[in-house]
């Protein structure tokens, strides 16, 4: 049987941390890596685990790549504070951990996303999946500032059947603040591939992003929530290029 280390990265997640910690209380080890929260995140985390570390945050990939080697066990489940492991997913993970030879190095896990009090089934979020269950010594994140992912080339990657629960944003201001933050970060990612910011980037790309989420990815089936998600995601693309212009000036 293999042991499991759970890693949770946090910053000012007092409203979330209790739920995610309770959902992984069955793990052999829980590590919380905090970016110097100013709320009760660390206090609450220490009620559940002795392994609470604090480290200055420079970006999501860098923080997670630092956290992974801190795990004591070969197998790692890495979570954000707004995620929850349902009972069925727990049992599926334990089924693999109980095998003498696990045939994979990492696993894709799909997510059920919740926003504005309901599950968002479309709007581009229906295909949401992440690599979060993996071998400690073989997996690291790429260097993207936004939508960082585990590098899976040359790895044996499986897929879990049960979805992770993802309570995306506590309110609209939280959503907008995250989109603004991601726009600043993604401007860095797009800097090398964008020679000059034009009307194409400021008008057409945001418009097509809205069409993508609302029409092609069936956001209209999510009602008002789908309209909000599609519009805000398009706004995020606009902000990306505004930030890129500002950085270059």
C-alpha atoms as a PDB file:
ATOM      1  CA  UNK A   1       0.000   0.000   0.000  1.00  0.00           C
ATOM      2  CA  UNK A   2       1.235   3.472  -0.892  1.00  0.00           C
ATOM      3  CA  UNK A   3       0.987   6.456   1.455  1.00  0.00           C
ATOM      4  CA  UNK A   4      -0.409   9.807   0.333  1.00  0.00           C
ATOM      5  CA  UNK A   5       0.703  13.392   0.950  1.00  0.00           C
ATOM      6  CA  UNK A   6      -1.865  16.127   0.349  1.00  0.00           C
ATOM      7  CA  UNK A   7      -0.522  19.609  -0.435  1.00  0.00           C
ATOM      8  CA  UNK A   8      -2.796  22.667  -0.208  1.00  0.00           C
ATOM      9  CA  UNK A   9      -1.590  26.117  -1.276  1.00  0.00           C
ATOM     10  CA  UNK A  10      -3.287  29.095   0.374  1.00  0.00           C
ATOM     11  CA  UNK A  11      -3.520  32.848   0.734  1.00  0.00           C
ATOM     12  CA  UNK A  12      -6.315  34.413   2.813  1.00  0.00           C
ATOM     13  CA  UNK A  13      -8.521  31.323   2.532  1.00  0.00           C
ATOM     14  CA  UNK A  14     -10.089  31.367   6.010  1.00  0.00           C
ATOM     15  CA  UNK A  15     -13.520  30.998   4.399  1.00  0.00           C
ATOM     16  CA  UNK A  16     -12.394  27.883   2.483  1.00  0.00           C
ATOM     17  CA  UNK A  17      -9.612  26.096   4.322  1.00  0.00           C
ATOM     18  CA  UNK A  18     -11.783  24.212   6.823  1.00  0.00           C
ATOM     19  CA  UNK A  19     -13.775  22.502   4.079  1.00  0.00           C
ATOM     20  CA  UNK A  20     -10.836  21.279   2.033  1.00  0.00           C
ATOM     21  CA  UNK A  21      -8.958  20.045   5.108  1.00  0.00           C
ATOM     22  CA  UNK A  22     -11.979  18.071   6.300  1.00  0.00           C
ATOM     23  CA  UNK A  23     -12.341  16.480   2.852  1.00  0.00           C
ATOM     24  CA  UNK A  24      -8.784  15.055   3.025  1.00  0.00           C
ATOM     25  CA  UNK A  25      -8.607  14.140   6.707  1.00  0.00           C
ATOM     26  CA  UNK A  26      -8.057  10.528   5.651  1.00  0.00           C
ATOM     27  CA  UNK A  27      -4.657  11.269   4.044  1.00  0.00           C
ATOM     28  CA  UNK A  28      -1.385  10.112   5.615  1.00  0.00           C
ATOM     29  CA  UNK A  29       0.053  13.626   5.532  1.00  0.00           C
ATOM     30  CA  UNK A  30      -1.391  17.102   4.969  1.00  0.00           C
ATOM     31  CA  UNK A  31       0.880  20.023   4.104  1.00  0.00           C
ATOM     32  CA  UNK A  32      -0.391  23.593   3.894  1.00  0.00           C
ATOM     33  CA  UNK A  33       1.876  26.035   2.062  1.00  0.00           C
ATOM     34  CA  UNK A  34       0.679  29.541   2.876  1.00  0.00           C
ATOM     35  CA  UNK A  35       1.708  32.831   1.267  1.00  0.00           C
ATOM     36  CA  UNK A  36       1.643  34.848   4.519  1.00  0.00           C
ATOM     37  CA  UNK A  37      -2.123  35.141   4.879  1.00  0.00           C
ATOM     38  CA  UNK A  38      -3.435  38.054   6.935  1.00  0.00           C
ATOM     39  CA  UNK A  39      -6.652  36.306   7.989  1.00  0.00           C
ATOM     40  CA  UNK A  40      -7.173  33.144  10.094  1.00  0.00           C
ATOM     41  CA  UNK A  41      -6.027  30.702   7.388  1.00  0.00           C
ATOM     42  CA  UNK A  42      -2.894  29.561   9.236  1.00  0.00           C
ATOM     43  CA  UNK A  43      -4.669  29.357  12.590  1.00  0.00           C
ATOM     44  CA  UNK A  44      -7.381  27.110  11.155  1.00  0.00           C
ATOM     45  CA  UNK A  45      -4.885  24.994   9.210  1.00  0.00           C
ATOM     46  CA  UNK A  46      -2.863  24.286  12.362  1.00  0.00           C
ATOM     47  CA  UNK A  47      -5.945  22.765  13.944  1.00  0.00           C
ATOM     48  CA  UNK A  48      -5.767  20.034  11.296  1.00  0.00           C
ATOM     49  CA  UNK A  49      -2.066  19.527  10.571  1.00  0.00           C
ATOM     50  CA  UNK A  50       1.329  20.244  12.077  1.00  0.00           C
ATOM     51  CA  UNK A  51       2.872  20.817   8.669  1.00  0.00           C
ATOM     52  CA  UNK A  52       1.988  24.436   7.923  1.00  0.00           C
ATOM     53  CA  UNK A  53       4.701  26.312   6.029  1.00  0.00           C
ATOM     54  CA  UNK A  54       4.866  29.906   4.862  1.00  0.00           C
ATOM     55  CA  UNK A  55       6.692  31.104   1.773  1.00  0.00           C
ATOM     56  CA  UNK A  56       6.653  34.319  -0.224  1.00  0.00           C
ATOM     57  CA  UNK A  57       4.484  33.971  -3.343  1.00  0.00           C
ATOM     58  CA  UNK A  58       5.945  34.786  -6.756  1.00  0.00           C
ATOM     59  CA  UNK A  59       3.566  32.764  -8.928  1.00  0.00           C
ATOM     60  CA  UNK A  60       1.400  29.627  -8.847  1.00  0.00           C
ATOM     61  CA  UNK A  61       3.815  27.296 -10.657  1.00  0.00           C
ATOM     62  CA  UNK A  62       6.810  28.385  -8.604  1.00  0.00           C
ATOM     63  CA  UNK A  63       4.906  27.958  -5.338  1.00  0.00           C
ATOM     64  CA  UNK A  64       3.667  24.487  -6.246  1.00  0.00           C
ATOM     65  CA  UNK A  65       7.040  23.348  -7.577  1.00  0.00           C
ATOM     66  CA  UNK A  66       8.590  24.368  -4.253  1.00  0.00           C
ATOM     67  CA  UNK A  67       5.850  22.596  -2.296  1.00  0.00           C
ATOM     68  CA  UNK A  68       5.976  19.226  -4.095  1.00  0.00           C
ATOM     69  CA  UNK A  69       9.421  18.131  -2.785  1.00  0.00           C
ATOM     70  CA  UNK A  70       8.263  18.905   0.775  1.00  0.00           C
ATOM     71  CA  UNK A  71       5.994  15.843   0.630  1.00  0.00           C
ATOM     72  CA  UNK A  72       7.152  12.857   2.676  1.00  0.00           C
ATOM     73  CA  UNK A  73       5.426  10.280   0.475  1.00  0.00           C
ATOM     74  CA  UNK A  74       5.822   9.218  -3.143  1.00  0.00           C
ATOM     75  CA  UNK A  75       2.223   9.981  -4.106  1.00  0.00           C
ATOM     76  CA  UNK A  76       0.869  13.519  -3.898  1.00  0.00           C
ATOM     77  CA  UNK A  77      -2.612  15.001  -4.178  1.00  0.00           C
ATOM     78  CA  UNK A  78      -2.292  18.754  -4.735  1.00  0.00           C
ATOM     79  CA  UNK A  79      -5.329  20.945  -4.078  1.00  0.00           C
ATOM     80  CA  UNK A  80      -6.442  24.553  -3.942  1.00  0.00           C
ATOM     81  CA  UNK A  81      -8.378  25.699  -0.892  1.00  0.00           C
ATOM     82  CA  UNK A  82     -11.595  26.071  -2.914  1.00  0.00           C
ATOM     83  CA  UNK A  83     -11.611  22.395  -3.901  1.00  0.00           C
ATOM     84  CA  UNK A  84     -13.184  19.422  -2.117  1.00  0.00           C
ATOM     85  CA  UNK A  85     -12.576  15.683  -2.431  1.00  0.00           C
ATOM     86  CA  UNK A  86     -15.940  13.844  -2.385  1.00  0.00           C
ATOM     87  CA  UNK A  87     -16.197  10.393  -0.814  1.00  0.00           C
ATOM     88  CA  UNK A  88     -16.337   8.585  -4.143  1.00  0.00           C
ATOM     89  CA  UNK A  89     -13.137  10.271  -5.356  1.00  0.00           C
ATOM     90  CA  UNK A  90     -11.438   9.410  -2.078  1.00  0.00           C
ATOM     91  CA  UNK A  91     -12.304   5.731  -2.572  1.00  0.00           C
ATOM     92  CA  UNK A  92     -11.054   5.802  -6.154  1.00  0.00           C
ATOM     93  CA  UNK A  93      -7.719   7.297  -5.086  1.00  0.00           C
ATOM     94  CA  UNK A  94      -7.397   4.764  -2.268  1.00  0.00           C
ATOM     95  CA  UNK A  95      -8.080   1.941  -4.738  1.00  0.00           C
ATOM     96  CA  UNK A  96      -4.964   2.922  -6.674  1.00  0.00           C
ATOM     97  CA  UNK A  97      -2.903   3.501  -3.528  1.00  0.00           C
ATOM     98  CA  UNK A  98      -3.741  -0.044  -2.425  1.00  0.00           C
ATOM     99  CA  UNK A  99      -2.214  -1.503  -5.586  1.00  0.00           C
ATOM    100  CA  UNK A 100       1.343  -2.775  -5.320  1.00  0.00           C
ATOM    101  CA  UNK A 101       2.289  -1.385  -8.737  1.00  0.00           C
ATOM    102  CA  UNK A 102       0.346   1.673  -9.874  1.00  0.00           C
ATOM    103  CA  UNK A 103       0.450   1.644 -13.716  1.00  0.00           C
ATOM    104  CA  UNK A 104       0.520   5.445 -14.065  1.00  0.00           C
ATOM    105  CA  UNK A 105       2.719   8.360 -13.000  1.00  0.00           C
ATOM    106  CA  UNK A 106      -0.080  10.937 -12.841  1.00  0.00           C
ATOM    107  CA  UNK A 107      -3.846  11.207 -13.181  1.00  0.00           C
ATOM    108  CA  UNK A 108      -6.200  13.703 -14.793  1.00  0.00           C
ATOM    109  CA  UNK A 109      -9.123  14.660 -12.548  1.00  0.00           C
ATOM    110  CA  UNK A 110     -12.167  16.415 -13.973  1.00  0.00           C
ATOM    111  CA  UNK A 111     -13.870  19.157 -11.942  1.00  0.00           C
ATOM    112  CA  UNK A 112     -17.442  20.204 -11.207  1.00  0.00           C
ATOM    113  CA  UNK A 113     -17.409  23.996 -11.002  1.00  0.00           C
ATOM    114  CA  UNK A 114     -19.811  26.029  -8.871  1.00  0.00           C
ATOM    115  CA  UNK A 115     -20.400  29.791  -9.124  1.00  0.00           C
ATOM    116  CA  UNK A 116     -23.140  32.204  -8.043  1.00  0.00           C
ATOM    117  CA  UNK A 117     -24.903  29.451  -6.108  1.00  0.00           C
ATOM    118  CA  UNK A 118     -25.166  26.900  -8.904  1.00  0.00           C
ATOM    119  CA  UNK A 119     -23.147  24.416 -10.923  1.00  0.00           C
ATOM    120  CA  UNK A 120     -21.800  25.796 -14.196  1.00  0.00           C
ATOM    121  CA  UNK A 121     -22.257  22.944 -16.653  1.00  0.00           C
ATOM    122  CA  UNK A 122     -21.229  24.737 -19.843  1.00  0.00           C
ATOM    123  CA  UNK A 123     -19.684  28.181 -20.630  1.00  0.00           C
ATOM    124  CA  UNK A 124     -16.323  26.572 -21.434  1.00  0.00           C
ATOM    125  CA  UNK A 125     -16.012  25.038 -17.985  1.00  0.00           C
ATOM    126  CA  UNK A 126     -17.489  21.651 -18.950  1.00  0.00           C
ATOM    127  CA  UNK A 127     -14.136  20.265 -20.062  1.00  0.00           C
ATOM    128  CA  UNK A 128     -12.243  21.452 -16.989  1.00  0.00           C
ATOM    129  CA  UNK A 129      -9.659  18.907 -15.875  1.00  0.00           C
ATOM    130  CA  UNK A 130      -6.378  19.069 -13.974  1.00  0.00           C
ATOM    131  CA  UNK A 131      -3.474  16.767 -13.113  1.00  0.00           C
ATOM    132  CA  UNK A 132      -3.474  16.729  -9.310  1.00  0.00           C
ATOM    133  CA  UNK A 133      -2.715  13.143  -8.258  1.00  0.00           C
ATOM    134  CA  UNK A 134       0.840  12.197  -9.197  1.00  0.00           C
ATOM    135  CA  UNK A 135       4.252  10.813  -8.278  1.00  0.00           C
ATOM    136  CA  UNK A 136       6.248  13.370  -6.309  1.00  0.00           C
ATOM    137  CA  UNK A 137       9.598  12.804  -7.998  1.00  0.00           C
ATOM    138  CA  UNK A 138       8.383  12.793 -11.609  1.00  0.00           C
ATOM    139  CA  UNK A 139       5.988  15.729 -11.817  1.00  0.00           C
ATOM    140  CA  UNK A 140       6.543  19.480 -11.908  1.00  0.00           C
ATOM    141  CA  UNK A 141       4.582  22.447 -13.274  1.00  0.00           C
ATOM    142  CA  UNK A 142       5.489  24.428 -16.375  1.00  0.00           C
ATOM    143  CA  UNK A 143       6.530  28.061 -15.914  1.00  0.00           C
ATOM    144  CA  UNK A 144       3.262  29.698 -16.974  1.00  0.00           C
ATOM    145  CA  UNK A 145       1.912  32.445 -14.757  1.00  0.00           C
ATOM    146  CA  UNK A 146      -1.690  31.590 -15.688  1.00  0.00           C
ATOM    147  CA  UNK A 147      -3.271  28.147 -16.084  1.00  0.00           C
ATOM    148  CA  UNK A 148      -0.090  26.392 -15.070  1.00  0.00           C
ATOM    149  CA  UNK A 149      -0.099  22.638 -15.702  1.00  0.00           C
ATOM    150  CA  UNK A 150       1.900  19.572 -14.771  1.00  0.00           C
ATOM    151  CA  UNK A 151       4.314  18.663 -17.571  1.00  0.00           C
ATOM    152  CA  UNK A 152       3.062  15.264 -18.749  1.00  0.00           C
ATOM    153  CA  UNK A 153       5.346  14.532 -21.702  1.00  0.00           C
ATOM    154  CA  UNK A 154       7.002  11.106 -21.320  1.00  0.00           C
ATOM    155  CA  UNK A 155       4.764  10.267 -18.344  1.00  0.00           C
ATOM    156  CA  UNK A 156       2.160   7.523 -18.078  1.00  0.00           C
ATOM    157  CA  UNK A 157      -1.028   9.470 -17.433  1.00  0.00           C
ATOM    158  CA  UNK A 158      -4.332   7.939 -16.353  1.00  0.00           C
ATOM    159  CA  UNK A 159      -7.732   9.443 -15.635  1.00  0.00           C
ATOM    160  CA  UNK A 160      -9.929   9.211 -12.558  1.00  0.00           C
ATOM    161  CA  UNK A 161     -13.666   8.768 -13.060  1.00  0.00           C
ATOM    162  CA  UNK A 162     -14.952  10.871 -10.162  1.00  0.00           C
ATOM    163  CA  UNK A 163     -14.880  14.650 -10.357  1.00  0.00           C
ATOM    164  CA  UNK A 164     -13.283  17.038  -7.898  1.00  0.00           C
ATOM    165  CA  UNK A 165     -15.643  19.692  -6.488  1.00  0.00           C
ATOM    166  CA  UNK A 166     -14.501  23.238  -7.237  1.00  0.00           C
ATOM    167  CA  UNK A 167     -16.208  26.206  -5.539  1.00  0.00           C
ATOM    168  CA  UNK A 168     -14.636  28.768  -7.809  1.00  0.00           C
ATOM    169  CA  UNK A 169     -15.374  32.259  -6.436  1.00  0.00           C
ATOM    170  CA  UNK A 170     -17.028  33.388  -3.214  1.00  0.00           C
ATOM    171  CA  UNK A 171     -18.668  36.396  -4.921  1.00  0.00           C
ATOM    172  CA  UNK A 172     -18.517  38.591  -8.005  1.00  0.00           C
ATOM    173  CA  UNK A 173     -15.797  40.848  -6.622  1.00  0.00           C
ATOM    174  CA  UNK A 174     -13.619  37.799  -6.008  1.00  0.00           C
ATOM    175  CA  UNK A 175     -14.185  36.701  -9.627  1.00  0.00           C
ATOM    176  CA  UNK A 176     -13.341  40.137 -11.028  1.00  0.00           C
ATOM    177  CA  UNK A 177     -10.269  40.495  -8.825  1.00  0.00           C
ATOM    178  CA  UNK A 178      -8.947  37.121  -9.990  1.00  0.00           C
ATOM    179  CA  UNK A 179      -9.554  37.978 -13.648  1.00  0.00           C
ATOM    180  CA  UNK A 180      -7.686  41.268 -13.181  1.00  0.00           C
ATOM    181  CA  UNK A 181      -4.805  39.454 -11.512  1.00  0.00           C
ATOM    182  CA  UNK A 182      -4.696  36.767 -14.207  1.00  0.00           C
ATOM    183  CA  UNK A 183      -4.748  39.467 -16.891  1.00  0.00           C
ATOM    184  CA  UNK A 184      -1.565  40.978 -15.436  1.00  0.00           C
ATOM    185  CA  UNK A 185       0.121  37.593 -15.254  1.00  0.00           C
ATOM    186  CA  UNK A 186      -0.979  36.403 -18.697  1.00  0.00           C
ATOM    187  CA  UNK A 187       0.379  39.621 -20.201  1.00  0.00           C
ATOM    188  CA  UNK A 188       3.806  38.255 -19.241  1.00  0.00           C
ATOM    189  CA  UNK A 189       3.027  34.906 -20.872  1.00  0.00           C
ATOM    190  CA  UNK A 190       1.882  36.583 -24.112  1.00  0.00           C
ATOM    191  CA  UNK A 191       4.617  39.197 -24.293  1.00  0.00           C
ATOM    192  CA  UNK A 192       6.988  37.138 -26.470  1.00  0.00           C
ATOM    193  CA  UNK A 193       4.294  36.064 -28.916  1.00  0.00           C
ATOM    194  CA  UNK A 194       2.715  39.526 -29.347  1.00  0.00           C
ATOM    195  CA  UNK A 195       4.903  41.926 -31.323  1.00  0.00           C
ATOM    196  CA  UNK A 196       2.473  44.834 -31.243  1.00  0.00           C
ATOM    197  CA  UNK A 197      -0.913  45.335 -29.570  1.00  0.00           C
ATOM    198  CA  UNK A 198      -3.502  46.353 -32.185  1.00  0.00           C
ATOM    199  CA  UNK A 199      -7.264  46.696 -32.524  1.00  0.00           C
ATOM    200  CA  UNK A 200      -7.318  42.978 -33.295  1.00  0.00           C
ATOM    201  CA  UNK A 201      -6.130  42.264 -29.743  1.00  0.00           C
ATOM    202  CA  UNK A 202      -8.295  44.897 -28.041  1.00  0.00           C
ATOM    203  CA  UNK A 203     -11.562  44.395 -29.945  1.00  0.00           C
ATOM    204  CA  UNK A 204     -11.721  41.204 -31.967  1.00  0.00           C
ATOM    205  CA  UNK A 205      -9.980  38.822 -29.565  1.00  0.00           C
ATOM    206  CA  UNK A 206     -12.273  39.746 -26.621  1.00  0.00           C
ATOM    207  CA  UNK A 207     -15.308  39.509 -28.911  1.00  0.00           C
ATOM    208  CA  UNK A 208     -14.317  36.054 -30.130  1.00  0.00           C
ATOM    209  CA  UNK A 209     -13.643  34.948 -26.565  1.00  0.00           C
ATOM    210  CA  UNK A 210     -17.208  35.922 -25.665  1.00  0.00           C
ATOM    211  CA  UNK A 211     -18.564  34.004 -28.677  1.00  0.00           C
ATOM    212  CA  UNK A 212     -16.446  31.008 -27.745  1.00  0.00           C
ATOM    213  CA  UNK A 213     -17.795  30.773 -24.188  1.00  0.00           C
ATOM    214  CA  UNK A 214     -21.381  31.886 -24.769  1.00  0.00           C
ATOM    215  CA  UNK A 215     -22.197  30.353 -28.165  1.00  0.00           C
ATOM    216  CA  UNK A 216     -19.759  27.632 -29.171  1.00  0.00           C
ATOM    217  CA  UNK A 217     -19.279  26.305 -25.631  1.00  0.00           C
ATOM    218  CA  UNK A 218     -23.009  26.628 -24.883  1.00  0.00           C
ATOM    219  CA  UNK A 219     -22.798  29.277 -22.171  1.00  0.00           C
ATOM    220  CA  UNK A 220     -26.353  30.342 -22.985  1.00  0.00           C
ATOM    221  CA  UNK A 221     -27.537  27.050 -21.479  1.00  0.00           C
ATOM    222  CA  UNK A 222     -26.210  28.222 -18.103  1.00  0.00           C
ATOM    223  CA  UNK A 223     -28.609  31.187 -18.171  1.00  0.00           C
ATOM    224  CA  UNK A 224     -27.517  34.419 -16.504  1.00  0.00           C
ATOM    225  CA  UNK A 225     -24.491  32.741 -14.962  1.00  0.00           C
ATOM    226  CA  UNK A 226     -23.290  31.718 -18.425  1.00  0.00           C
ATOM    227  CA  UNK A 227     -23.703  35.281 -19.689  1.00  0.00           C
ATOM    228  CA  UNK A 228     -21.721  36.644 -16.734  1.00  0.00           C
ATOM    229  CA  UNK A 229     -18.930  34.097 -17.117  1.00  0.00           C
ATOM    230  CA  UNK A 230     -18.644  34.687 -20.872  1.00  0.00           C
ATOM    231  CA  UNK A 231     -18.606  38.476 -20.538  1.00  0.00           C
ATOM    232  CA  UNK A 232     -16.040  38.507 -17.724  1.00  0.00           C
ATOM    233  CA  UNK A 233     -13.761  36.073 -19.540  1.00  0.00           C
ATOM    234  CA  UNK A 234     -13.885  38.327 -22.622  1.00  0.00           C
ATOM    235  CA  UNK A 235     -13.094  41.333 -20.413  1.00  0.00           C
ATOM    236  CA  UNK A 236     -10.088  39.413 -19.080  1.00  0.00           C
ATOM    237  CA  UNK A 237      -8.698  39.055 -22.615  1.00  0.00           C
ATOM    238  CA  UNK A 238      -9.109  42.809 -23.153  1.00  0.00           C
ATOM    239  CA  UNK A 239      -7.319  43.517 -19.851  1.00  0.00           C
ATOM    240  CA  UNK A 240      -4.477  41.176 -20.821  1.00  0.00           C
ATOM    241  CA  UNK A 241      -3.518  43.347 -23.777  1.00  0.00           C
ATOM    242  CA  UNK A 242      -4.109  46.616 -21.915  1.00  0.00           C
ATOM    243  CA  UNK A 243      -1.671  45.365 -19.287  1.00  0.00           C
ATOM    244  CA  UNK A 244       0.786  44.330 -21.978  1.00  0.00           C
ATOM    245  CA  UNK A 245       0.636  47.834 -23.469  1.00  0.00           C
ATOM    246  CA  UNK A 246       1.197  49.356 -20.049  1.00  0.00           C
ATOM    247  CA  UNK A 247       4.136  47.082 -19.266  1.00  0.00           C
ATOM    248  CA  UNK A 248       5.841  48.045 -22.511  1.00  0.00           C
ATOM    249  CA  UNK A 249       5.369  51.737 -21.911  1.00  0.00           C
END
